[in-house]
């Protein structure tokens, strides 16, 4: 998409909380979801689990901005992208911010 249209997503902000160490060569599962979106950005959550999904290793929130390389400015998502985001959007309930989400997931992982 970047080569064809000159637009893509760039990382604007990343928050990570390490809950439990991952051991050398340990198999892990990384689960991602789109938790929020706007005309110009995406907020993605990633959760790293052990291979049985019984223990959370880390939690990450990443804000991505849709960006036009030619203009060097943020770029509005197309109606097609907005429709896709609406379909795959998985909002987080009971957490107003990253720290709230970490607390909730820590409790679930104990």
N, C-alpha and C. Protein backbone atom coordinates (compact mmCIF):
# COMPACT_ATOMS: atom_id res chain seq x y z
N UNK A 1 0.82 -1.19 0.00
CA UNK A 1 0.00 0.00 0.00
C UNK A 1 0.87 1.25 0.00
N UNK A 2 1.96 1.20 0.75
CA UNK A 2 2.85 2.35 0.81
C UNK A 2 3.47 2.62 -0.56
N UNK A 3 3.93 1.57 -1.23
CA UNK A 3 4.55 1.75 -2.54
C UNK A 3 3.53 2.15 -3.60
N UNK A 4 2.34 1.56 -3.53
CA UNK A 4 1.32 1.81 -4.55
C UNK A 4 0.63 3.16 -4.39
N UNK A 5 0.28 3.51 -3.14
CA UNK A 5 -0.52 4.72 -2.89
C UNK A 5 0.21 5.81 -2.11
N UNK A 6 1.36 5.49 -1.55
CA UNK A 6 2.11 6.48 -0.80
C UNK A 6 1.57 6.75 0.59
N UNK A 7 0.68 5.86 1.07
CA UNK A 7 0.13 6.00 2.43
C UNK A 7 0.28 4.69 3.19
N UNK A 8 0.39 4.81 4.48
CA UNK A 8 0.50 3.64 5.35
C UNK A 8 0.31 4.09 6.78
N UNK A 9 0.63 3.23 7.71
CA UNK A 9 0.49 3.58 9.13
C UNK A 9 1.87 3.68 9.77
N UNK A 10 2.02 4.65 10.63
CA UNK A 10 3.26 4.81 11.38
C UNK A 10 2.93 4.75 12.88
N UNK A 11 3.87 4.22 13.65
CA UNK A 11 3.68 4.15 15.09
C UNK A 11 3.79 5.55 15.68
N UNK A 12 2.78 5.96 16.41
CA UNK A 12 2.78 7.27 17.05
C UNK A 12 3.03 7.16 18.55
N UNK A 13 2.57 6.05 19.14
CA UNK A 13 2.74 5.87 20.58
C UNK A 13 2.64 4.39 20.90
N UNK A 14 3.48 3.93 21.82
CA UNK A 14 3.45 2.53 22.25
C UNK A 14 3.56 2.48 23.77
N UNK A 15 2.68 1.69 24.38
CA UNK A 15 2.72 1.45 25.81
C UNK A 15 2.81 -0.05 26.02
N UNK A 16 3.77 -0.49 26.85
CA UNK A 16 3.95 -1.91 27.11
C UNK A 16 4.09 -2.12 28.61
N UNK A 17 3.43 -3.15 29.09
CA UNK A 17 3.60 -3.57 30.48
C UNK A 17 3.99 -5.04 30.47
N UNK A 18 5.14 -5.35 31.06
CA UNK A 18 5.62 -6.72 31.15
C UNK A 18 5.12 -7.32 32.45
N UNK A 19 4.33 -8.37 32.34
CA UNK A 19 3.67 -8.96 33.51
C UNK A 19 4.48 -10.12 34.07
N UNK A 20 4.92 -11.00 33.19
CA UNK A 20 5.63 -12.21 33.59
C UNK A 20 6.71 -12.50 32.55
N UNK A 21 7.91 -12.88 32.97
CA UNK A 21 8.97 -13.10 31.99
C UNK A 21 8.67 -14.23 31.02
N UNK A 22 9.06 -14.04 29.79
CA UNK A 22 9.05 -15.12 28.81
C UNK A 22 10.42 -15.79 28.89
N UNK A 23 10.41 -17.10 28.96
CA UNK A 23 11.65 -17.87 29.10
C UNK A 23 12.25 -18.11 27.72
N UNK A 24 13.58 -18.18 27.65
CA UNK A 24 14.30 -18.40 26.39
C UNK A 24 13.70 -19.59 25.64
N UNK A 25 13.36 -19.39 24.36
CA UNK A 25 12.79 -20.39 23.45
C UNK A 25 11.39 -20.86 23.86
N UNK A 26 10.73 -20.15 24.75
CA UNK A 26 9.36 -20.50 25.14
C UNK A 26 8.42 -20.16 23.99
N UNK A 27 7.49 -21.04 23.71
CA UNK A 27 6.45 -20.74 22.74
C UNK A 27 5.42 -19.83 23.37
N UNK A 28 5.06 -18.77 22.67
CA UNK A 28 4.06 -17.83 23.17
C UNK A 28 3.01 -17.62 22.08
N UNK A 29 1.88 -17.10 22.50
CA UNK A 29 0.80 -16.72 21.60
C UNK A 29 0.62 -15.22 21.73
N UNK A 30 0.57 -14.53 20.60
CA UNK A 30 0.31 -13.10 20.62
C UNK A 30 -1.06 -12.87 19.99
N UNK A 31 -1.95 -12.30 20.79
CA UNK A 31 -3.32 -12.04 20.37
C UNK A 31 -3.45 -10.52 20.17
N UNK A 32 -3.94 -10.12 19.02
CA UNK A 32 -4.09 -8.68 18.76
C UNK A 32 -5.54 -8.37 18.40
N UNK A 33 -5.90 -7.12 18.68
CA UNK A 33 -7.26 -6.67 18.32
C UNK A 33 -7.26 -5.16 18.15
N UNK A 34 -8.17 -4.70 17.33
CA UNK A 34 -8.38 -3.27 17.13
C UNK A 34 -9.36 -2.80 18.19
N UNK A 35 -8.89 -1.99 19.14
CA UNK A 35 -9.75 -1.59 20.26
C UNK A 35 -10.37 -0.22 20.08
N UNK A 36 -9.82 0.60 19.16
CA UNK A 36 -10.41 1.92 18.88
C UNK A 36 -9.88 2.40 17.54
N UNK A 37 -10.65 3.27 16.91
CA UNK A 37 -10.20 3.85 15.64
C UNK A 37 -10.89 5.19 15.42
N UNK A 38 -10.26 5.99 14.56
CA UNK A 38 -10.84 7.27 14.16
C UNK A 38 -10.56 7.46 12.68
N UNK A 39 -10.90 8.60 12.15
CA UNK A 39 -10.65 8.87 10.74
C UNK A 39 -9.16 8.88 10.41
N UNK A 40 -8.31 9.10 11.41
CA UNK A 40 -6.87 9.24 11.16
C UNK A 40 -5.99 8.23 11.90
N UNK A 41 -6.55 7.47 12.85
CA UNK A 41 -5.68 6.61 13.65
C UNK A 41 -6.35 5.31 14.06
N UNK A 42 -5.51 4.39 14.54
CA UNK A 42 -5.95 3.10 15.06
C UNK A 42 -5.31 2.91 16.43
N UNK A 43 -6.01 2.23 17.31
CA UNK A 43 -5.44 1.82 18.59
C UNK A 43 -5.54 0.30 18.66
N UNK A 44 -4.39 -0.35 18.70
CA UNK A 44 -4.30 -1.80 18.66
C UNK A 44 -3.79 -2.31 20.00
N UNK A 45 -4.41 -3.38 20.49
CA UNK A 45 -3.94 -4.03 21.71
C UNK A 45 -3.30 -5.36 21.34
N UNK A 46 -2.19 -5.67 21.96
CA UNK A 46 -1.55 -6.97 21.82
C UNK A 46 -1.35 -7.58 23.19
N UNK A 47 -1.70 -8.84 23.31
CA UNK A 47 -1.49 -9.56 24.57
C UNK A 47 -0.63 -10.78 24.26
N UNK A 48 0.49 -10.90 24.97
CA UNK A 48 1.36 -12.06 24.82
C UNK A 48 1.03 -13.04 25.95
N UNK A 49 0.67 -14.26 25.54
CA UNK A 49 0.30 -15.33 26.46
C UNK A 49 1.34 -16.45 26.42
N UNK A 50 1.34 -17.30 27.45
CA UNK A 50 2.07 -18.56 27.35
C UNK A 50 1.32 -19.44 26.35
N UNK A 51 1.88 -20.59 25.99
CA UNK A 51 1.28 -21.37 24.91
C UNK A 51 -0.07 -21.99 25.26
N UNK A 52 -0.43 -22.07 26.52
CA UNK A 52 -1.75 -22.59 26.90
C UNK A 52 -2.76 -21.47 27.18
N UNK A 53 -2.33 -20.23 27.00
CA UNK A 53 -3.16 -19.05 27.25
C UNK A 53 -3.69 -19.02 28.69
N UNK A 54 -2.86 -19.47 29.62
CA UNK A 54 -3.25 -19.44 31.02
C UNK A 54 -2.50 -18.35 31.80
N UNK A 55 -1.49 -17.76 31.17
CA UNK A 55 -0.70 -16.73 31.85
C UNK A 55 -0.34 -15.63 30.86
N UNK A 56 -0.60 -14.40 31.27
CA UNK A 56 -0.26 -13.25 30.42
C UNK A 56 1.19 -12.87 30.68
N UNK A 57 1.94 -12.71 29.59
CA UNK A 57 3.34 -12.33 29.68
C UNK A 57 3.52 -10.81 29.54
N UNK A 58 2.75 -10.20 28.63
CA UNK A 58 2.88 -8.76 28.38
C UNK A 58 1.62 -8.23 27.71
N UNK A 59 1.43 -6.93 27.88
CA UNK A 59 0.30 -6.22 27.27
C UNK A 59 0.87 -4.99 26.56
N UNK A 60 0.37 -4.73 25.35
CA UNK A 60 0.85 -3.59 24.57
C UNK A 60 -0.34 -2.87 23.94
N UNK A 61 -0.30 -1.56 24.00
CA UNK A 61 -1.21 -0.73 23.21
C UNK A 61 -0.36 0.09 22.26
N UNK A 62 -0.72 0.08 21.01
CA UNK A 62 -0.01 0.86 20.01
C UNK A 62 -0.96 1.75 19.23
N UNK A 63 -0.66 3.03 19.20
CA UNK A 63 -1.44 3.97 18.39
C UNK A 63 -0.73 4.14 17.05
N UNK A 64 -1.46 3.88 15.97
CA UNK A 64 -0.93 4.00 14.62
C UNK A 64 -1.66 5.13 13.91
N UNK A 65 -0.92 5.97 13.22
CA UNK A 65 -1.50 7.08 12.48
C UNK A 65 -1.39 6.78 10.99
N UNK A 66 -2.49 6.95 10.29
CA UNK A 66 -2.49 6.80 8.84
C UNK A 66 -1.75 8.00 8.27
N UNK A 67 -0.72 7.75 7.46
CA UNK A 67 0.24 8.78 7.11
C UNK A 67 0.51 8.77 5.61
N UNK A 68 0.56 9.98 5.03
CA UNK A 68 0.88 10.15 3.61
C UNK A 68 2.35 10.54 3.50
N UNK A 69 3.13 9.67 2.87
CA UNK A 69 4.58 9.89 2.75
C UNK A 69 4.88 11.13 1.91
N UNK A 70 4.10 11.37 0.87
CA UNK A 70 4.36 12.50 -0.03
C UNK A 70 4.13 13.85 0.65
N UNK A 71 3.01 13.95 1.39
CA UNK A 71 2.68 15.23 2.03
C UNK A 71 3.29 15.36 3.42
N UNK A 72 3.75 14.22 3.98
CA UNK A 72 4.30 14.19 5.34
C UNK A 72 3.27 14.63 6.37
N UNK A 73 2.02 14.26 6.14
CA UNK A 73 0.92 14.59 7.05
C UNK A 73 0.04 13.36 7.28
N UNK A 74 -0.72 13.42 8.35
CA UNK A 74 -1.68 12.34 8.57
C UNK A 74 -2.68 12.33 7.42
N UNK A 75 -3.23 11.17 7.18
CA UNK A 75 -4.09 10.96 6.01
C UNK A 75 -5.40 10.33 6.47
N UNK A 76 -6.50 10.86 6.02
CA UNK A 76 -7.82 10.37 6.41
C UNK A 76 -8.05 8.96 5.84
N UNK A 77 -8.58 8.08 6.68
CA UNK A 77 -8.92 6.74 6.22
C UNK A 77 -10.04 6.81 5.19
N UNK A 78 -9.97 5.94 4.22
CA UNK A 78 -11.02 5.86 3.19
C UNK A 78 -12.30 5.29 3.80
N UNK A 79 -13.44 5.50 3.16
CA UNK A 79 -14.69 4.89 3.65
C UNK A 79 -14.59 3.37 3.71
N UNK A 80 -13.83 2.76 2.79
CA UNK A 80 -13.67 1.31 2.80
C UNK A 80 -12.93 0.85 4.06
N UNK A 81 -11.88 1.58 4.43
CA UNK A 81 -11.16 1.24 5.65
C UNK A 81 -12.05 1.45 6.87
N UNK A 82 -12.80 2.54 6.90
CA UNK A 82 -13.66 2.80 8.05
C UNK A 82 -14.70 1.68 8.20
N UNK A 83 -15.20 1.19 7.08
CA UNK A 83 -16.15 0.08 7.11
C UNK A 83 -15.49 -1.19 7.66
N UNK A 84 -14.28 -1.47 7.20
CA UNK A 84 -13.53 -2.62 7.69
C UNK A 84 -13.28 -2.49 9.19
N UNK A 85 -12.83 -1.32 9.63
CA UNK A 85 -12.55 -1.11 11.05
C UNK A 85 -13.80 -1.32 11.90
N UNK A 86 -14.93 -0.87 11.41
CA UNK A 86 -16.19 -1.05 12.12
C UNK A 86 -16.49 -2.55 12.30
N UNK A 87 -16.18 -3.33 11.30
CA UNK A 87 -16.45 -4.77 11.34
C UNK A 87 -15.52 -5.52 12.29
N UNK A 88 -14.27 -5.10 12.41
CA UNK A 88 -13.30 -5.83 13.23
C UNK A 88 -13.03 -5.17 14.59
N UNK A 89 -13.68 -4.05 14.84
CA UNK A 89 -13.51 -3.31 16.09
C UNK A 89 -13.92 -4.18 17.28
N UNK A 90 -13.07 -4.23 18.28
CA UNK A 90 -13.30 -5.02 19.49
C UNK A 90 -13.05 -4.10 20.69
N UNK A 91 -14.05 -3.28 21.03
CA UNK A 91 -13.83 -2.30 22.10
C UNK A 91 -13.57 -2.96 23.46
N UNK A 92 -12.80 -2.28 24.28
CA UNK A 92 -12.47 -2.76 25.62
C UNK A 92 -13.48 -2.14 26.59
N UNK A 93 -14.10 -2.99 27.37
CA UNK A 93 -15.05 -2.51 28.38
C UNK A 93 -14.35 -2.45 29.73
N UNK A 94 -14.81 -1.57 30.58
CA UNK A 94 -14.32 -1.45 31.96
C UNK A 94 -12.90 -0.94 32.09
N UNK A 95 -12.32 -0.40 31.03
CA UNK A 95 -10.97 0.18 31.12
C UNK A 95 -10.96 1.49 30.37
N UNK A 96 -10.71 2.57 31.08
CA UNK A 96 -10.69 3.90 30.46
C UNK A 96 -9.33 4.23 29.85
N UNK A 97 -8.28 3.52 30.32
CA UNK A 97 -6.94 3.80 29.83
C UNK A 97 -6.07 2.55 29.95
N UNK A 98 -4.83 2.66 29.51
CA UNK A 98 -3.91 1.53 29.50
C UNK A 98 -3.68 0.96 30.90
N UNK A 99 -3.46 1.81 31.88
CA UNK A 99 -3.19 1.33 33.23
C UNK A 99 -4.37 0.56 33.82
N UNK A 100 -5.60 1.03 33.54
CA UNK A 100 -6.78 0.30 33.98
C UNK A 100 -6.81 -1.09 33.34
N UNK A 101 -6.50 -1.15 32.05
CA UNK A 101 -6.52 -2.42 31.32
C UNK A 101 -5.48 -3.38 31.89
N UNK A 102 -4.30 -2.89 32.19
CA UNK A 102 -3.25 -3.73 32.77
C UNK A 102 -3.73 -4.32 34.11
N UNK A 103 -4.32 -3.50 34.94
CA UNK A 103 -4.82 -3.98 36.25
C UNK A 103 -5.85 -5.08 36.07
N UNK A 104 -6.77 -4.88 35.14
CA UNK A 104 -7.83 -5.88 34.89
C UNK A 104 -7.21 -7.19 34.40
N UNK A 105 -6.29 -7.10 33.44
CA UNK A 105 -5.70 -8.32 32.89
C UNK A 105 -4.79 -9.03 33.90
N UNK A 106 -4.13 -8.28 34.76
CA UNK A 106 -3.32 -8.89 35.81
C UNK A 106 -4.21 -9.72 36.74
N UNK A 107 -5.37 -9.18 37.09
CA UNK A 107 -6.29 -9.91 37.95
C UNK A 107 -6.80 -11.18 37.28
N UNK A 108 -7.06 -11.13 35.99
CA UNK A 108 -7.53 -12.30 35.26
C UNK A 108 -6.45 -13.37 35.15
N UNK A 109 -5.21 -12.95 35.14
CA UNK A 109 -4.09 -13.86 34.93
C UNK A 109 -3.62 -14.54 36.22
N UNK A 110 -4.13 -14.12 37.35
CA UNK A 110 -3.65 -14.68 38.62
C UNK A 110 -4.35 -15.98 38.94
